[in-house]
Amino acid sequence: VVVTEAVASLIVKSLALSSLRGIPFPVQLAARILPVAVNTVANVTLVYALHRAFANRANPRPARVEAVSAAPDNMSYGEALAFIHSVDWRGTVFGLERVEAVLKELGNPEKTLKFVHVAGTNGKGSTAAMLAAILQSAGYRTGLYISPYINRFNERIQIDGEPISDADLARLATRVRSIAKEMADPPTEFETVTALGLKYFAEQGCDIVVLEV
């Protein structure tokens, strides 16, 4: 914008007006400096405002990933799945105390996120998937939490259609396991996966999470 205004509006147009009106070029140039400067500032401001308004939707921001040092005691992917599935929910007392305790130790990631909760009997997964696709198409970085899965367990936790990686699943499962070990009443399988997923969505900077409940 600045180059265009300086070359076209100030110099070229001043030359043209000077020739047409018979006014010396320096005089015509001096007369146009102030209006061209004002117009330049206005145009730059407008372009900047439009860029700020639409850039995030046109180019979704990259993921925010927490810096995590390599932990030699991290479980493997297979060990992580074995840990998750080893939790027996039978005999568990209803309540939110367990998952709240785990989330607190994880830094309460749920408090940094926005959600669409999908509840019901049949069709929750399909509804959640469609909502996530709509939000993703609208330019939002969208998390999707569903159960069960079709091909791989990782499909239960997705961002913009991409399932959580084996490495991230193992890393976060290791962290949740270390918290669960210190609890007299450890979290259920669903609570474990939910806490793990919420932490992942927060780490990756999701704008919104479609959460099957």
C-alpha atoms as a PDB file:
ATOM      1  CA  VAL A   1       0.000   0.000   0.000  1.00  0.00           C
ATOM      2  CA  VAL A   2       2.774   2.458   0.921  1.00  0.00           C
ATOM      3  CA  VAL A   3       4.759   1.780  -2.260  1.00  0.00           C
ATOM      4  CA  THR A   4       1.660   2.045  -4.448  1.00  0.00           C
ATOM      5  CA  GLU A   5       0.592   5.333  -2.892  1.00  0.00           C
ATOM      6  CA  ALA A   6       4.102   6.790  -3.090  1.00  0.00           C
ATOM      7  CA  VAL A   7       4.744   5.806  -6.707  1.00  0.00           C
ATOM      8  CA  ALA A   8       1.297   5.995  -8.289  1.00  0.00           C
ATOM      9  CA  SER A   9      -0.615   8.575  -6.276  1.00  0.00           C
ATOM     10  CA  LEU A  10       2.228  10.899  -5.364  1.00  0.00           C
ATOM     11  CA  ILE A  11       4.803  10.796  -8.173  1.00  0.00           C
ATOM     12  CA  VAL A  12       2.963   9.576 -11.289  1.00  0.00           C
ATOM     13  CA  LYS A  13      -0.254  11.451 -10.605  1.00  0.00           C
ATOM     14  CA  SER A  14       1.651  14.618  -9.699  1.00  0.00           C
ATOM     15  CA  LEU A  15       3.513  14.392 -13.028  1.00  0.00           C
ATOM     16  CA  ALA A  16       0.234  13.952 -14.903  1.00  0.00           C
ATOM     17  CA  LEU A  17      -1.487  16.856 -13.135  1.00  0.00           C
ATOM     18  CA  SER A  18       1.567  19.040 -13.576  1.00  0.00           C
ATOM     19  CA  SER A  19       1.516  18.372 -17.332  1.00  0.00           C
ATOM     20  CA  LEU A  20      -2.237  18.911 -17.669  1.00  0.00           C
ATOM     21  CA  ARG A  21      -2.434  22.060 -15.573  1.00  0.00           C
ATOM     22  CA  GLY A  22       0.895  23.592 -16.536  1.00  0.00           C
ATOM     23  CA  ILE A  23       1.965  23.720 -12.887  1.00  0.00           C
ATOM     24  CA  PRO A  24       5.641  23.082 -12.058  1.00  0.00           C
ATOM     25  CA  PHE A  25       6.138  19.517 -10.875  1.00  0.00           C
ATOM     26  CA  PRO A  26       7.764  20.428  -7.501  1.00  0.00           C
ATOM     27  CA  VAL A  27       4.802  22.677  -6.691  1.00  0.00           C
ATOM     28  CA  GLN A  28       2.253  19.981  -7.634  1.00  0.00           C
ATOM     29  CA  LEU A  29       4.235  17.362  -5.703  1.00  0.00           C
ATOM     30  CA  ALA A  30       4.337  19.522  -2.572  1.00  0.00           C
ATOM     31  CA  ALA A  31       0.600  20.120  -2.784  1.00  0.00           C
ATOM     32  CA  ARG A  32      -0.151  16.389  -2.905  1.00  0.00           C
ATOM     33  CA  ILE A  33       2.150  15.165  -0.138  1.00  0.00           C
ATOM     34  CA  LEU A  34      -0.293  15.763   2.739  1.00  0.00           C
ATOM     35  CA  PRO A  35      -3.460  14.271   1.142  1.00  0.00           C
ATOM     36  CA  VAL A  36      -1.518  11.255  -0.137  1.00  0.00           C
ATOM     37  CA  ALA A  37       0.025  10.720   3.324  1.00  0.00           C
ATOM     38  CA  VAL A  38      -3.420  10.823   4.969  1.00  0.00           C
ATOM     39  CA  ASN A  39      -4.835   8.421   2.371  1.00  0.00           C
ATOM     40  CA  THR A  40      -1.880   6.063   2.855  1.00  0.00           C
ATOM     41  CA  VAL A  41      -2.373   5.915   6.615  1.00  0.00           C
ATOM     42  CA  ALA A  42      -6.102   5.248   6.152  1.00  0.00           C
ATOM     43  CA  ASN A  43      -5.510   2.454   3.624  1.00  0.00           C
ATOM     44  CA  VAL A  44      -2.783   0.787   5.685  1.00  0.00           C
ATOM     45  CA  THR A  45      -5.000   0.893   8.764  1.00  0.00           C
ATOM     46  CA  LEU A  46      -7.906  -0.642   6.852  1.00  0.00           C
ATOM     47  CA  VAL A  47      -5.786  -3.427   5.339  1.00  0.00           C
ATOM     48  CA  TYR A  48      -4.253  -4.212   8.721  1.00  0.00           C
ATOM     49  CA  ALA A  49      -7.671  -4.349  10.388  1.00  0.00           C
ATOM     50  CA  LEU A  50      -9.041  -6.664   7.695  1.00  0.00           C
ATOM     51  CA  HIS A  51      -5.986  -8.909   7.969  1.00  0.00           C
ATOM     52  CA  ARG A  52      -6.383  -9.214  11.730  1.00  0.00           C
ATOM     53  CA  ALA A  53     -10.090  -9.941  11.358  1.00  0.00           C
ATOM     54  CA  PHE A  54      -9.808 -12.694   8.757  1.00  0.00           C
ATOM     55  CA  ALA A  55      -6.278 -14.112   8.971  1.00  0.00           C
ATOM     56  CA  ASN A  56      -7.068 -16.553  11.781  1.00  0.00           C
ATOM     57  CA  ARG A  57      -9.973 -18.053   9.854  1.00  0.00           C
ATOM     58  CA  ALA A  58      -8.090 -18.243   6.553  1.00  0.00           C
ATOM     59  CA  ASN A  59      -4.948 -19.650   8.170  1.00  0.00           C
ATOM     60  CA  PRO A  60      -5.727 -21.463  11.427  1.00  0.00           C
ATOM     61  CA  ARG A  61      -2.975 -20.886  13.926  1.00  0.00           C
ATOM     62  CA  PRO A  62      -0.437 -23.668  14.429  1.00  0.00           C
ATOM     63  CA  ALA A  63      -0.806 -25.945  17.361  1.00  0.00           C
ATOM     64  CA  ARG A  64       0.515 -24.873  20.726  1.00  0.00           C
ATOM     65  CA  VAL A  65       2.483 -27.789  22.067  1.00  0.00           C
ATOM     66  CA  GLU A  66       3.921 -27.861  25.540  1.00  0.00           C
ATOM     67  CA  ALA A  67       7.653 -28.340  25.697  1.00  0.00           C
ATOM     68  CA  VAL A  68       8.050 -31.823  27.083  1.00  0.00           C
ATOM     69  CA  SER A  69      11.445 -33.309  27.774  1.00  0.00           C
ATOM     70  CA  ALA A  70      12.021 -36.902  26.769  1.00  0.00           C
ATOM     71  CA  ALA A  71      11.030 -39.100  29.688  1.00  0.00           C
ATOM     72  CA  PRO A  72      12.797 -42.446  29.744  1.00  0.00           C
ATOM     73  CA  ASP A  73      10.050 -43.928  31.944  1.00  0.00           C
ATOM     74  CA  ASN A  74       7.252 -43.192  29.469  1.00  0.00           C
ATOM     75  CA  MET A  75       5.133 -46.200  28.638  1.00  0.00           C
ATOM     76  CA  SER A  76       5.074 -47.563  25.123  1.00  0.00           C
ATOM     77  CA  TYR A  77       1.877 -47.288  23.083  1.00  0.00           C
ATOM     78  CA  GLY A  78       0.998 -50.911  23.850  1.00  0.00           C
ATOM     79  CA  GLU A  79       1.635 -50.417  27.554  1.00  0.00           C
ATOM     80  CA  ALA A  80      -0.524 -47.286  27.535  1.00  0.00           C
ATOM     81  CA  LEU A  81      -3.472 -49.162  26.037  1.00  0.00           C
ATOM     82  CA  ALA A  82      -2.971 -52.012  28.484  1.00  0.00           C
ATOM     83  CA  PHE A  83      -3.012 -49.544  31.391  1.00  0.00           C
ATOM     84  CA  ILE A  84      -6.167 -47.814  30.111  1.00  0.00           C
ATOM     85  CA  HIS A  85      -8.046 -51.074  29.604  1.00  0.00           C
ATOM     86  CA  SER A  86      -6.860 -52.558  32.892  1.00  0.00           C
ATOM     87  CA  VAL A  87      -8.999 -50.209  34.957  1.00  0.00           C
ATOM     88  CA  ASP A  88     -12.082 -52.021  36.236  1.00  0.00           C
ATOM     89  CA  TRP A  89     -15.137 -49.778  36.543  1.00  0.00           C
ATOM     90  CA  ARG A  90     -17.293 -52.407  38.256  1.00  0.00           C
ATOM     91  CA  GLY A  91     -18.084 -51.472  41.830  1.00  0.00           C
ATOM     92  CA  THR A  92     -17.129 -47.858  41.207  1.00  0.00           C
ATOM     93  CA  VAL A  93     -19.150 -45.247  43.082  1.00  0.00           C
ATOM     94  CA  PHE A  94     -20.743 -42.594  40.881  1.00  0.00           C
ATOM     95  CA  GLY A  95     -19.330 -39.091  41.220  1.00  0.00           C
ATOM     96  CA  LEU A  96     -16.939 -36.554  39.739  1.00  0.00           C
ATOM     97  CA  GLU A  97     -14.430 -36.522  42.576  1.00  0.00           C
ATOM     98  CA  ARG A  98     -11.944 -38.861  40.871  1.00  0.00           C
ATOM     99  CA  VAL A  99     -11.807 -37.133  37.504  1.00  0.00           C
ATOM    100  CA  GLU A 100     -11.749 -33.706  39.182  1.00  0.00           C
ATOM    101  CA  ALA A 101      -8.747 -34.795  41.236  1.00  0.00           C
ATOM    102  CA  VAL A 102      -6.891 -36.020  38.138  1.00  0.00           C
ATOM    103  CA  LEU A 103      -7.710 -32.851  36.177  1.00  0.00           C
ATOM    104  CA  LYS A 104      -6.507 -30.701  39.068  1.00  0.00           C
ATOM    105  CA  GLU A 105      -3.127 -32.463  38.989  1.00  0.00           C
ATOM    106  CA  LEU A 106      -3.028 -31.885  35.206  1.00  0.00           C
ATOM    107  CA  GLY A 107      -3.544 -28.147  35.684  1.00  0.00           C
ATOM    108  CA  ASN A 108      -7.306 -28.108  35.059  1.00  0.00           C
ATOM    109  CA  PRO A 109      -7.050 -28.121  31.256  1.00  0.00           C
ATOM    110  CA  GLU A 110     -10.858 -28.174  30.937  1.00  0.00           C
ATOM    111  CA  LYS A 111     -11.011 -24.607  32.265  1.00  0.00           C
ATOM    112  CA  THR A 112      -9.041 -23.318  29.250  1.00  0.00           C
ATOM    113  CA  LEU A 113     -11.360 -24.897  26.665  1.00  0.00           C
ATOM    114  CA  LYS A 114     -14.800 -24.310  25.152  1.00  0.00           C
ATOM    115  CA  PHE A 115     -17.124 -27.245  24.527  1.00  0.00           C
ATOM    116  CA  VAL A 116     -20.092 -28.576  22.634  1.00  0.00           C
ATOM    117  CA  HIS A 117     -21.443 -31.459  24.737  1.00  0.00           C
ATOM    118  CA  VAL A 118     -23.238 -34.234  22.869  1.00  0.00           C
ATOM    119  CA  ALA A 119     -25.420 -36.496  25.017  1.00  0.00           C
ATOM    120  CA  GLY A 120     -28.109 -39.060  24.276  1.00  0.00           C
ATOM    121  CA  THR A 121     -28.668 -42.717  23.488  1.00  0.00           C
ATOM    122  CA  ASN A 122     -28.062 -43.342  19.773  1.00  0.00           C
ATOM    123  CA  GLY A 123     -26.260 -41.244  17.182  1.00  0.00           C
ATOM    124  CA  LYS A 124     -23.925 -39.357  19.516  1.00  0.00           C
ATOM    125  CA  GLY A 125     -20.785 -40.277  17.571  1.00  0.00           C
ATOM    126  CA  SER A 126     -22.238 -39.331  14.183  1.00  0.00           C
ATOM    127  CA  THR A 127     -23.645 -36.064  15.525  1.00  0.00           C
ATOM    128  CA  ALA A 128     -20.342 -35.203  17.186  1.00  0.00           C
ATOM    129  CA  ALA A 129     -18.385 -36.004  14.006  1.00  0.00           C
ATOM    130  CA  MET A 130     -20.672 -33.812  11.890  1.00  0.00           C
ATOM    131  CA  LEU A 131     -20.464 -30.921  14.350  1.00  0.00           C
ATOM    132  CA  ALA A 132     -16.673 -31.201  14.444  1.00  0.00           C
ATOM    133  CA  ALA A 133     -16.514 -31.173  10.623  1.00  0.00           C
ATOM    134  CA  ILE A 134     -18.691 -28.053  10.472  1.00  0.00           C
ATOM    135  CA  LEU A 135     -16.567 -26.223  13.048  1.00  0.00           C
ATOM    136  CA  GLN A 136     -13.333 -27.273  11.354  1.00  0.00           C
ATOM    137  CA  SER A 137     -14.640 -26.040   7.983  1.00  0.00           C
ATOM    138  CA  ALA A 138     -15.480 -22.716   9.629  1.00  0.00           C
ATOM    139  CA  GLY A 139     -11.809 -22.282  10.508  1.00  0.00           C
ATOM    140  CA  TYR A 140     -11.784 -23.381  14.147  1.00  0.00           C
ATOM    141  CA  ARG A 141      -9.121 -25.692  15.550  1.00  0.00           C
ATOM    142  CA  THR A 142     -11.535 -28.399  16.650  1.00  0.00           C
ATOM    143  CA  GLY A 143     -11.078 -31.240  19.103  1.00  0.00           C
ATOM    144  CA  LEU A 144     -13.312 -34.312  18.910  1.00  0.00           C
ATOM    145  CA  TYR A 145     -13.800 -36.781  21.763  1.00  0.00           C
ATOM    146  CA  ILE A 146     -15.900 -39.870  21.008  1.00  0.00           C
ATOM    147  CA  SER A 147     -16.334 -43.492  22.024  1.00  0.00           C
ATOM    148  CA  PRO A 148     -15.953 -46.168  20.939  1.00  0.00           C
ATOM    149  CA  TYR A 149     -13.703 -46.155  17.838  1.00  0.00           C
ATOM    150  CA  ILE A 150     -13.791 -47.823  14.410  1.00  0.00           C
ATOM    151  CA  ASN A 151     -10.236 -48.915  13.559  1.00  0.00           C
ATOM    152  CA  ARG A 152      -7.844 -47.656  16.252  1.00  0.00           C
ATOM    153  CA  PHE A 153      -8.208 -46.480  19.826  1.00  0.00           C
ATOM    154  CA  ASN A 154      -6.561 -43.145  18.899  1.00  0.00           C
ATOM    155  CA  GLU A 155      -9.687 -42.171  16.943  1.00  0.00           C
ATOM    156  CA  ARG A 156     -11.391 -41.403  20.251  1.00  0.00           C
ATOM    157  CA  ILE A 157      -9.264 -38.250  20.582  1.00  0.00           C
ATOM    158  CA  GLN A 158      -8.906 -36.156  17.420  1.00  0.00           C
ATOM    159  CA  ILE A 159      -7.954 -32.631  16.380  1.00  0.00           C
ATOM    160  CA  ASP A 160      -9.117 -31.404  12.968  1.00  0.00           C
ATOM    161  CA  GLY A 161      -9.745 -35.007  11.930  1.00  0.00           C
ATOM    162  CA  GLU A 162      -6.284 -36.258  12.969  1.00  0.00           C
ATOM    163  CA  PRO A 163      -6.211 -38.865  15.780  1.00  0.00           C
ATOM    164  CA  ILE A 164      -3.819 -38.386  18.677  1.00  0.00           C
ATOM    165  CA  SER A 165      -0.391 -39.853  17.912  1.00  0.00           C
ATOM    166  CA  ASP A 166       0.829 -43.023  19.589  1.00  0.00           C
ATOM    167  CA  ALA A 167       3.625 -41.041  21.255  1.00  0.00           C
ATOM    168  CA  ASP A 168       1.301 -38.397  22.711  1.00  0.00           C
ATOM    169  CA  LEU A 169      -1.143 -41.042  23.909  1.00  0.00           C
ATOM    170  CA  ALA A 170       1.637 -42.958  25.651  1.00  0.00           C
ATOM    171  CA  ARG A 171       3.116 -39.783  27.153  1.00  0.00           C
ATOM    172  CA  LEU A 172      -0.157 -38.553  28.588  1.00  0.00           C
ATOM    173  CA  ALA A 173      -1.231 -42.010  29.755  1.00  0.00           C
ATOM    174  CA  THR A 174       2.051 -42.234  31.671  1.00  0.00           C
ATOM    175  CA  ARG A 175       1.298 -38.915  33.326  1.00  0.00           C
ATOM    176  CA  VAL A 176      -2.245 -39.923  34.275  1.00  0.00           C
ATOM    177  CA  ARG A 177      -0.999 -43.270  35.588  1.00  0.00           C
ATOM    178  CA  SER A 178       1.455 -41.515  37.907  1.00  0.00           C
ATOM    179  CA  ILE A 179      -1.433 -39.464  39.312  1.00  0.00           C
ATOM    180  CA  ALA A 180      -3.757 -42.464  39.617  1.00  0.00           C
ATOM    181  CA  LYS A 181      -1.141 -44.423  41.575  1.00  0.00           C
ATOM    182  CA  GLU A 182      -1.327 -41.843  44.369  1.00  0.00           C
ATOM    183  CA  MET A 183      -5.132 -41.993  44.618  1.00  0.00           C
ATOM    184  CA  ALA A 184      -6.973 -44.229  47.085  1.00  0.00           C
ATOM    185  CA  ASP A 185      -9.889 -44.364  44.617  1.00  0.00           C
ATOM    186  CA  PRO A 186      -8.297 -44.353  41.138  1.00  0.00           C
ATOM    187  CA  PRO A 187     -10.170 -43.083  38.065  1.00  0.00           C
ATOM    188  CA  THR A 188     -12.219 -45.399  35.857  1.00  0.00           C
ATOM    189  CA  GLU A 189     -11.226 -46.178  32.266  1.00  0.00           C
ATOM    190  CA  PHE A 190     -13.578 -43.527  30.887  1.00  0.00           C
ATOM    191  CA  GLU A 191     -12.358 -40.955  33.413  1.00  0.00           C
ATOM    192  CA  THR A 192      -8.741 -41.772  32.565  1.00  0.00           C
ATOM    193  CA  VAL A 193      -9.254 -41.342  28.820  1.00  0.00           C
ATOM    194  CA  THR A 194     -11.352 -38.197  29.323  1.00  0.00           C
ATOM    195  CA  ALA A 195      -8.694 -36.523  31.474  1.00  0.00           C
ATOM    196  CA  LEU A 196      -5.997 -37.570  29.006  1.00  0.00           C
ATOM    197  CA  GLY A 197      -8.013 -36.161  26.088  1.00  0.00           C
ATOM    198  CA  LEU A 198      -8.775 -32.854  27.782  1.00  0.00           C
ATOM    199  CA  LYS A 199      -5.094 -32.350  28.580  1.00  0.00           C
ATOM    200  CA  TYR A 200      -4.193 -33.082  24.943  1.00  0.00           C
ATOM    201  CA  PHE A 201      -6.800 -30.634  23.593  1.00  0.00           C
ATOM    202  CA  ALA A 202      -5.527 -27.899  25.906  1.00  0.00           C
ATOM    203  CA  GLU A 203      -1.891 -28.549  24.986  1.00  0.00           C
ATOM    204  CA  GLN A 204      -2.694 -28.318  21.295  1.00  0.00           C
ATOM    205  CA  GLY A 205      -4.602 -25.047  21.600  1.00  0.00           C
ATOM    206  CA  CYS A 206      -8.057 -26.153  20.450  1.00  0.00           C
ATOM    207  CA  ASP A 207     -10.567 -23.345  19.911  1.00  0.00           C
ATOM    208  CA  ILE A 208     -13.456 -25.677  20.710  1.00  0.00           C
ATOM    209  CA  VAL A 209     -13.972 -29.323  21.627  1.00  0.00           C
ATOM    210  CA  VAL A 210     -16.942 -31.476  20.587  1.00  0.00           C
ATOM    211  CA  LEU A 211     -17.268 -33.802  23.561  1.00  0.00           C
ATOM    212  CA  GLU A 212     -19.397 -36.935  23.554  1.00  0.00           C
ATOM    213  CA  VAL A 213     -20.550 -37.393  27.137  1.00  0.00           C
END
